[in-house]
């Protein structure tokens, strides 16, 4: 469940209006059961991006895992290359609130948390060992933002949340009418016990773009098989 939480529950609502301003709302379902919502709002101007968002569990999943998360990230972008500068996260689970900040020096993530991470294990990853890794919100922005044709189905990034490192890859793609389906992978790189690092139950997923929306193609669905059933993000 933690891998799903890192992937899904990373996300505030407002940014000033500007060029390439985008807002997207996704309904998240597990095995056909509504699990929550994900709202993303991003803006890109002159090679700089800012992305904010909010995620919250609801329905049956909310009854089991009552969690909300808000996050903000900023940095620079050229094509499919991202250089984050800062990340701020607030997570509330069962009435307890935690905050996390990630700052970057020489492309190396430096993490602070309140309260401190007292449950850290020896196998958890260190930012200095993974230079160039993105914060979770920058990674989610890179994955779910609208893209021009030449950037769709073409992504290879690494993310670091203070404990775990993941690689997200999109490559190939097939057309189905007005839709473009991109095979993708969410790969555990570091920060896990050896047996969990080898777990591929949440490795393969698919990202679908709508190609009818002009020069920028929005993501309309993300679909993945998990040990909890099929997880689907449906864009409203």
C-alpha atoms as a PDB file:
ATOM      1  CA  UNK A   1       0.000   0.000   0.000  1.00  0.00           C
ATOM      2  CA  UNK A   2       2.896   2.420   0.638  1.00  0.00           C
ATOM      3  CA  UNK A   3       3.933   2.359  -3.049  1.00  0.00           C
ATOM      4  CA  UNK A   4       0.371   3.259  -3.998  1.00  0.00           C
ATOM      5  CA  UNK A   5       0.348   6.048  -1.412  1.00  0.00           C
ATOM      6  CA  UNK A   6       3.591   7.523  -2.761  1.00  0.00           C
ATOM      7  CA  UNK A   7       2.233   7.322  -6.287  1.00  0.00           C
ATOM      8  CA  UNK A   8      -1.244   8.666  -5.576  1.00  0.00           C
ATOM      9  CA  UNK A   9      -1.462  10.716  -2.399  1.00  0.00           C
ATOM     10  CA  UNK A  10       0.936  13.595  -3.017  1.00  0.00           C
ATOM     11  CA  UNK A  11      -1.156  16.569  -3.625  1.00  0.00           C
ATOM     12  CA  UNK A  12      -3.521  22.489  -3.022  1.00  0.00           C
ATOM     13  CA  UNK A  13      -5.662  24.132  -5.249  1.00  0.00           C
ATOM     14  CA  UNK A  14      -4.647  27.589  -6.558  1.00  0.00           C
ATOM     15  CA  UNK A  15      -2.048  29.237  -8.747  1.00  0.00           C
ATOM     16  CA  UNK A  16      -2.144  32.666 -10.379  1.00  0.00           C
ATOM     17  CA  UNK A  17      -3.441  32.600 -13.939  1.00  0.00           C
ATOM     18  CA  UNK A  18      -0.628  32.418 -16.496  1.00  0.00           C
ATOM     19  CA  UNK A  19       0.422  30.873 -19.801  1.00  0.00           C
ATOM     20  CA  UNK A  20       0.102  27.076 -20.036  1.00  0.00           C
ATOM     21  CA  UNK A  21      -2.079  26.982 -16.950  1.00  0.00           C
ATOM     22  CA  UNK A  22      -3.667  23.549 -16.489  1.00  0.00           C
ATOM     23  CA  UNK A  23      -6.062  22.068 -13.970  1.00  0.00           C
ATOM     24  CA  UNK A  24      -7.025  18.409 -13.905  1.00  0.00           C
ATOM     25  CA  UNK A  25      -9.279  16.393 -11.602  1.00  0.00           C
ATOM     26  CA  UNK A  26      -9.019  12.607 -11.526  1.00  0.00           C
ATOM     27  CA  UNK A  27     -11.319  10.109  -9.841  1.00  0.00           C
ATOM     28  CA  UNK A  28      -9.289   7.235  -8.417  1.00  0.00           C
ATOM     29  CA  UNK A  29     -10.801   3.749  -8.298  1.00  0.00           C
ATOM     30  CA  UNK A  30      -9.518   0.443  -6.949  1.00  0.00           C
ATOM     31  CA  UNK A  31     -11.160  -2.697  -8.339  1.00  0.00           C
ATOM     32  CA  UNK A  32     -14.102  -0.581  -9.498  1.00  0.00           C
ATOM     33  CA  UNK A  33     -14.575   1.026  -6.080  1.00  0.00           C
ATOM     34  CA  UNK A  34     -14.035   4.751  -5.745  1.00  0.00           C
ATOM     35  CA  UNK A  35     -10.949   5.350  -3.645  1.00  0.00           C
ATOM     36  CA  UNK A  36     -10.512   9.105  -3.788  1.00  0.00           C
ATOM     37  CA  UNK A  37      -9.832  12.154  -5.917  1.00  0.00           C
ATOM     38  CA  UNK A  38      -6.689  13.787  -7.198  1.00  0.00           C
ATOM     39  CA  UNK A  39      -6.621  17.466  -8.182  1.00  0.00           C
ATOM     40  CA  UNK A  40      -3.599  18.914  -9.970  1.00  0.00           C
ATOM     41  CA  UNK A  41      -2.992  22.521 -10.940  1.00  0.00           C
ATOM     42  CA  UNK A  42       0.170  23.505 -12.768  1.00  0.00           C
ATOM     43  CA  UNK A  43       1.617  26.417 -14.661  1.00  0.00           C
ATOM     44  CA  UNK A  44       4.648  26.613 -16.922  1.00  0.00           C
ATOM     45  CA  UNK A  45       6.179  29.878 -18.050  1.00  0.00           C
ATOM     46  CA  UNK A  46       9.565  30.646 -19.633  1.00  0.00           C
ATOM     47  CA  UNK A  47      10.993  27.252 -18.756  1.00  0.00           C
ATOM     48  CA  UNK A  48       9.804  27.339 -15.147  1.00  0.00           C
ATOM     49  CA  UNK A  49       7.043  25.209 -13.661  1.00  0.00           C
ATOM     50  CA  UNK A  50       5.007  25.225 -10.488  1.00  0.00           C
ATOM     51  CA  UNK A  51       2.690  22.365  -9.634  1.00  0.00           C
ATOM     52  CA  UNK A  52       0.333  22.024  -6.705  1.00  0.00           C
ATOM     53  CA  UNK A  53      -2.263  19.470  -5.830  1.00  0.00           C
ATOM     54  CA  UNK A  54      -4.385  17.685  -3.341  1.00  0.00           C
ATOM     55  CA  UNK A  55      -5.361  14.049  -2.950  1.00  0.00           C
ATOM     56  CA  UNK A  56      -7.821  12.504  -0.539  1.00  0.00           C
ATOM     57  CA  UNK A  57      -9.188   9.026   0.027  1.00  0.00           C
ATOM     58  CA  UNK A  58     -12.951   8.542   0.066  1.00  0.00           C
ATOM     59  CA  UNK A  59     -15.616   5.844   0.068  1.00  0.00           C
ATOM     60  CA  UNK A  60     -14.623   2.387   1.282  1.00  0.00           C
ATOM     61  CA  UNK A  61     -10.921   3.133   0.881  1.00  0.00           C
ATOM     62  CA  UNK A  62     -11.372   6.294   2.944  1.00  0.00           C
ATOM     63  CA  UNK A  63     -12.911   4.241   5.707  1.00  0.00           C
ATOM     64  CA  UNK A  64      -9.827   2.017   5.789  1.00  0.00           C
ATOM     65  CA  UNK A  65      -7.148   4.613   5.085  1.00  0.00           C
ATOM     66  CA  UNK A  66      -8.333   8.113   6.003  1.00  0.00           C
ATOM     67  CA  UNK A  67      -5.618  10.218   4.412  1.00  0.00           C
ATOM     68  CA  UNK A  68      -5.256  13.566   2.677  1.00  0.00           C
ATOM     69  CA  UNK A  69      -2.100  15.063   1.209  1.00  0.00           C
ATOM     70  CA  UNK A  70      -1.240  18.464  -0.203  1.00  0.00           C
ATOM     71  CA  UNK A  71       1.988  19.314  -2.002  1.00  0.00           C
ATOM     72  CA  UNK A  72       3.688  22.040  -4.010  1.00  0.00           C
ATOM     73  CA  UNK A  73       6.763  21.785  -6.216  1.00  0.00           C
ATOM     74  CA  UNK A  74       8.648  24.149  -8.488  1.00  0.00           C
ATOM     75  CA  UNK A  75      11.629  24.028 -10.797  1.00  0.00           C
ATOM     76  CA  UNK A  76      12.723  24.313 -14.407  1.00  0.00           C
ATOM     77  CA  UNK A  77      11.804  22.194 -17.420  1.00  0.00           C
ATOM     78  CA  UNK A  78      13.142  21.705 -20.934  1.00  0.00           C
ATOM     79  CA  UNK A  79      11.243  19.136 -22.966  1.00  0.00           C
ATOM     80  CA  UNK A  80      11.144  16.040 -20.793  1.00  0.00           C
ATOM     81  CA  UNK A  81      14.017  17.134 -18.541  1.00  0.00           C
ATOM     82  CA  UNK A  82      13.070  18.491 -15.110  1.00  0.00           C
ATOM     83  CA  UNK A  83      15.243  20.234 -12.519  1.00  0.00           C
ATOM     84  CA  UNK A  84      13.283  20.730  -9.273  1.00  0.00           C
ATOM     85  CA  UNK A  85      14.119  23.473  -6.788  1.00  0.00           C
ATOM     86  CA  UNK A  86      11.717  22.854  -3.911  1.00  0.00           C
ATOM     87  CA  UNK A  87       8.934  20.654  -2.575  1.00  0.00           C
ATOM     88  CA  UNK A  88       6.565  21.102   0.385  1.00  0.00           C
ATOM     89  CA  UNK A  89       4.125  18.445   1.561  1.00  0.00           C
ATOM     90  CA  UNK A  90       1.509  18.216   4.304  1.00  0.00           C
ATOM     91  CA  UNK A  91      -0.081  14.854   5.025  1.00  0.00           C
ATOM     92  CA  UNK A  92      -2.909  14.152   7.466  1.00  0.00           C
ATOM     93  CA  UNK A  93      -3.687  10.549   8.368  1.00  0.00           C
ATOM     94  CA  UNK A  94      -6.194   9.600  11.059  1.00  0.00           C
ATOM     95  CA  UNK A  95      -6.020  13.093  12.525  1.00  0.00           C
ATOM     96  CA  UNK A  96      -2.211  13.260  12.687  1.00  0.00           C
ATOM     97  CA  UNK A  97      -0.412  15.815  10.530  1.00  0.00           C
ATOM     98  CA  UNK A  98       3.107  15.533   9.139  1.00  0.00           C
ATOM     99  CA  UNK A  99       5.093  17.945   6.991  1.00  0.00           C
ATOM    100  CA  UNK A 100       8.009  17.357   4.650  1.00  0.00           C
ATOM    101  CA  UNK A 101      10.292  19.718   2.758  1.00  0.00           C
ATOM    102  CA  UNK A 102      12.751  18.782   0.027  1.00  0.00           C
ATOM    103  CA  UNK A 103      15.327  21.274  -1.191  1.00  0.00           C
ATOM    104  CA  UNK A 104      17.970  20.688  -3.832  1.00  0.00           C
ATOM    105  CA  UNK A 105      21.662  21.534  -3.856  1.00  0.00           C
ATOM    106  CA  UNK A 106      23.679  20.395  -6.851  1.00  0.00           C
ATOM    107  CA  UNK A 107      20.672  18.268  -7.962  1.00  0.00           C
ATOM    108  CA  UNK A 108      20.809  16.354  -4.682  1.00  0.00           C
ATOM    109  CA  UNK A 109      17.654  16.167  -2.560  1.00  0.00           C
ATOM    110  CA  UNK A 110      17.893  17.289   1.055  1.00  0.00           C
ATOM    111  CA  UNK A 111      14.890  16.266   3.168  1.00  0.00           C
ATOM    112  CA  UNK A 112      13.517  17.614   6.446  1.00  0.00           C
ATOM    113  CA  UNK A 113      10.405  16.298   8.192  1.00  0.00           C
ATOM    114  CA  UNK A 114       8.215  17.284  11.141  1.00  0.00           C
ATOM    115  CA  UNK A 115       8.001  15.183  13.220  1.00  0.00           C
ATOM    116  CA  UNK A 116      11.389  13.614  12.393  1.00  0.00           C
ATOM    117  CA  UNK A 117      11.447  10.244  10.631  1.00  0.00           C
ATOM    118  CA  UNK A 118      12.101   8.025  13.649  1.00  0.00           C
ATOM    119  CA  UNK A 119      11.136   4.835  11.792  1.00  0.00           C
ATOM    120  CA  UNK A 120      13.879   5.130   9.205  1.00  0.00           C
ATOM    121  CA  UNK A 121      15.630   1.817   8.428  1.00  0.00           C
ATOM    122  CA  UNK A 122      19.141   1.028   7.263  1.00  0.00           C
ATOM    123  CA  UNK A 123      17.882   0.057   3.800  1.00  0.00           C
ATOM    124  CA  UNK A 124      16.135   3.389   3.164  1.00  0.00           C
ATOM    125  CA  UNK A 125      17.778   5.440   0.429  1.00  0.00           C
ATOM    126  CA  UNK A 126      19.839   8.594   0.874  1.00  0.00           C
ATOM    127  CA  UNK A 127      19.416  11.545  -1.472  1.00  0.00           C
ATOM    128  CA  UNK A 128      23.167  11.900  -2.025  1.00  0.00           C
ATOM    129  CA  UNK A 129      23.230   8.451  -3.632  1.00  0.00           C
ATOM    130  CA  UNK A 130      20.655   9.449  -6.265  1.00  0.00           C
ATOM    131  CA  UNK A 131      21.607  12.806  -7.792  1.00  0.00           C
ATOM    132  CA  UNK A 132      19.087  14.114 -10.307  1.00  0.00           C
ATOM    133  CA  UNK A 133      16.094  12.400  -8.697  1.00  0.00           C
ATOM    134  CA  UNK A 134      12.900  14.483  -8.678  1.00  0.00           C
ATOM    135  CA  UNK A 135      10.631  15.142  -5.724  1.00  0.00           C
ATOM    136  CA  UNK A 136       7.298  13.241  -5.797  1.00  0.00           C
ATOM    137  CA  UNK A 137       5.188  16.210  -6.935  1.00  0.00           C
ATOM    138  CA  UNK A 138       7.532  17.076  -9.801  1.00  0.00           C
ATOM    139  CA  UNK A 139       7.369  13.427 -10.816  1.00  0.00           C
ATOM    140  CA  UNK A 140       3.588  13.416 -10.753  1.00  0.00           C
ATOM    141  CA  UNK A 141       3.496  16.657 -12.751  1.00  0.00           C
ATOM    142  CA  UNK A 142       5.831  15.160 -15.346  1.00  0.00           C
ATOM    143  CA  UNK A 143       3.623  12.088 -15.631  1.00  0.00           C
ATOM    144  CA  UNK A 144       0.165  13.700 -15.738  1.00  0.00           C
ATOM    145  CA  UNK A 145       0.713  17.027 -17.543  1.00  0.00           C
ATOM    146  CA  UNK A 146      -0.618  17.565 -21.062  1.00  0.00           C
ATOM    147  CA  UNK A 147       2.036  16.998 -23.707  1.00  0.00           C
ATOM    148  CA  UNK A 148       2.736  17.800 -27.334  1.00  0.00           C
ATOM    149  CA  UNK A 149       2.902  14.808 -29.657  1.00  0.00           C
ATOM    150  CA  UNK A 150       6.699  14.617 -29.658  1.00  0.00           C
ATOM    151  CA  UNK A 151       6.836  14.286 -25.841  1.00  0.00           C
ATOM    152  CA  UNK A 152       3.946  11.856 -25.343  1.00  0.00           C
ATOM    153  CA  UNK A 153       4.927   8.243 -24.577  1.00  0.00           C
ATOM    154  CA  UNK A 154       8.485   9.425 -23.989  1.00  0.00           C
ATOM    155  CA  UNK A 155       9.494   9.858 -20.373  1.00  0.00           C
ATOM    156  CA  UNK A 156      12.227   8.477 -18.122  1.00  0.00           C
ATOM    157  CA  UNK A 157      12.518  10.034 -14.650  1.00  0.00           C
ATOM    158  CA  UNK A 158      13.556   9.022 -11.146  1.00  0.00           C
ATOM    159  CA  UNK A 159      11.799  10.227  -7.974  1.00  0.00           C
ATOM    160  CA  UNK A 160      12.878  10.295  -4.316  1.00  0.00           C
ATOM    161  CA  UNK A 161      10.559  10.869  -1.350  1.00  0.00           C
ATOM    162  CA  UNK A 162      13.106  10.790   1.482  1.00  0.00           C
ATOM    163  CA  UNK A 163      13.078   7.020   1.836  1.00  0.00           C
ATOM    164  CA  UNK A 164      12.431   5.322  -1.483  1.00  0.00           C
ATOM    165  CA  UNK A 165      13.554   5.794  -5.073  1.00  0.00           C
ATOM    166  CA  UNK A 166      11.401   4.925  -8.084  1.00  0.00           C
ATOM    167  CA  UNK A 167      11.919   5.102 -11.820  1.00  0.00           C
ATOM    168  CA  UNK A 168       9.007   6.001 -14.111  1.00  0.00           C
ATOM    169  CA  UNK A 169       9.324   5.133 -17.790  1.00  0.00           C
ATOM    170  CA  UNK A 170       7.012   5.645 -20.760  1.00  0.00           C
ATOM    171  CA  UNK A 171       8.002   4.350 -24.188  1.00  0.00           C
ATOM    172  CA  UNK A 172       6.351   3.175 -27.376  1.00  0.00           C
ATOM    173  CA  UNK A 173       2.613   3.771 -27.710  1.00  0.00           C
ATOM    174  CA  UNK A 174      -0.294   2.655 -29.887  1.00  0.00           C
ATOM    175  CA  UNK A 175      -3.118   4.615 -31.450  1.00  0.00           C
ATOM    176  CA  UNK A 176      -6.748   3.592 -30.945  1.00  0.00           C
ATOM    177  CA  UNK A 177      -8.862   6.123 -32.799  1.00  0.00           C
ATOM    178  CA  UNK A 178      -8.423   9.460 -31.028  1.00  0.00           C
ATOM    179  CA  UNK A 179      -6.580   7.886 -28.090  1.00  0.00           C
ATOM    180  CA  UNK A 180      -2.878   7.187 -27.632  1.00  0.00           C
ATOM    181  CA  UNK A 181      -2.057   4.397 -25.172  1.00  0.00           C
ATOM    182  CA  UNK A 182       1.435   4.457 -23.660  1.00  0.00           C
ATOM    183  CA  UNK A 183       2.931   1.417 -21.907  1.00  0.00           C
ATOM    184  CA  UNK A 184       4.695   2.502 -18.728  1.00  0.00           C
ATOM    185  CA  UNK A 185       6.649   1.139 -15.790  1.00  0.00           C
ATOM    186  CA  UNK A 186       6.933   2.156 -12.127  1.00  0.00           C
ATOM    187  CA  UNK A 187      10.150   0.511 -10.972  1.00  0.00           C
ATOM    188  CA  UNK A 188      11.447   0.234  -7.416  1.00  0.00           C
ATOM    189  CA  UNK A 189      15.098   1.316  -7.454  1.00  0.00           C
ATOM    190  CA  UNK A 190      16.172   1.641  -3.809  1.00  0.00           C
ATOM    191  CA  UNK A 191      14.912   2.085  -0.255  1.00  0.00           C
ATOM    192  CA  UNK A 192      13.245  -1.321   0.133  1.00  0.00           C
ATOM    193  CA  UNK A 193      14.073  -4.640   1.709  1.00  0.00           C
ATOM    194  CA  UNK A 194      15.550  -6.957  -0.965  1.00  0.00           C
ATOM    195  CA  UNK A 195      12.385  -9.058  -1.240  1.00  0.00           C
ATOM    196  CA  UNK A 196      10.220  -5.951  -1.592  1.00  0.00           C
ATOM    197  CA  UNK A 197      12.611  -4.419  -4.108  1.00  0.00           C
ATOM    198  CA  UNK A 198      12.035  -7.444  -6.327  1.00  0.00           C
ATOM    199  CA  UNK A 199       8.226  -7.163  -6.073  1.00  0.00           C
ATOM    200  CA  UNK A 200       6.824  -6.377  -9.536  1.00  0.00           C
ATOM    201  CA  UNK A 201       3.116  -6.395  -8.615  1.00  0.00           C
ATOM    202  CA  UNK A 202       2.814  -2.656  -9.259  1.00  0.00           C
ATOM    203  CA  UNK A 203       5.363  -2.338 -12.052  1.00  0.00           C
ATOM    204  CA  UNK A 204       3.438  -2.106 -15.328  1.00  0.00           C
ATOM    205  CA  UNK A 205       0.765   0.475 -16.020  1.00  0.00           C
ATOM    206  CA  UNK A 206      -0.675   2.428 -18.961  1.00  0.00           C
ATOM    207  CA  UNK A 207      -1.150   6.140 -19.633  1.00  0.00           C
ATOM    208  CA  UNK A 208      -3.755   7.257 -22.178  1.00  0.00           C
ATOM    209  CA  UNK A 209      -3.812  10.618 -23.988  1.00  0.00           C
ATOM    210  CA  UNK A 210      -6.632  12.315 -25.900  1.00  0.00           C
ATOM    211  CA  UNK A 211      -5.141  13.448 -29.227  1.00  0.00           C
ATOM    212  CA  UNK A 212      -8.092  15.639 -30.262  1.00  0.00           C
ATOM    213  CA  UNK A 213      -7.338  18.609 -27.976  1.00  0.00           C
ATOM    214  CA  UNK A 214      -5.055  20.622 -30.250  1.00  0.00           C
ATOM    215  CA  UNK A 215      -1.293  20.884 -29.799  1.00  0.00           C
ATOM    216  CA  UNK A 216      -1.298  19.665 -26.173  1.00  0.00           C
ATOM    217  CA  UNK A 217      -2.675  16.201 -25.484  1.00  0.00           C
ATOM    218  CA  UNK A 218      -4.162  15.713 -21.996  1.00  0.00           C
ATOM    219  CA  UNK A 219      -3.872  12.514 -19.978  1.00  0.00           C
ATOM    220  CA  UNK A 220      -7.380  11.082 -19.667  1.00  0.00           C
ATOM    221  CA  UNK A 221      -6.641   7.783 -17.931  1.00  0.00           C
ATOM    222  CA  UNK A 222      -3.973   5.928 -15.991  1.00  0.00           C
ATOM    223  CA  UNK A 223      -4.550   2.211 -15.454  1.00  0.00           C
ATOM    224  CA  UNK A 224      -2.499  -0.258 -13.410  1.00  0.00           C
ATOM    225  CA  UNK A 225      -2.890  -3.723 -11.967  1.00  0.00           C
ATOM    226  CA  UNK A 226      -2.087  -3.953  -8.265  1.00  0.00           C
ATOM    227  CA  UNK A 227      -2.397  -6.564  -5.544  1.00  0.00           C
ATOM    228  CA  UNK A 228      -5.566  -4.696  -4.486  1.00  0.00           C
ATOM    229  CA  UNK A 229      -7.115  -4.963  -7.957  1.00  0.00           C
ATOM    230  CA  UNK A 230      -6.988  -2.663 -10.972  1.00  0.00           C
ATOM    231  CA  UNK A 231      -6.307   0.971 -10.099  1.00  0.00           C
ATOM    232  CA  UNK A 232      -7.682   3.576 -12.518  1.00  0.00           C
ATOM    233  CA  UNK A 233      -7.341   7.352 -12.652  1.00  0.00           C
ATOM    234  CA  UNK A 234     -10.216   8.770 -14.745  1.00  0.00           C
ATOM    235  CA  UNK A 235     -10.016  12.424 -15.731  1.00  0.00           C
ATOM    236  CA  UNK A 236     -13.267  14.320 -15.381  1.00  0.00           C
END
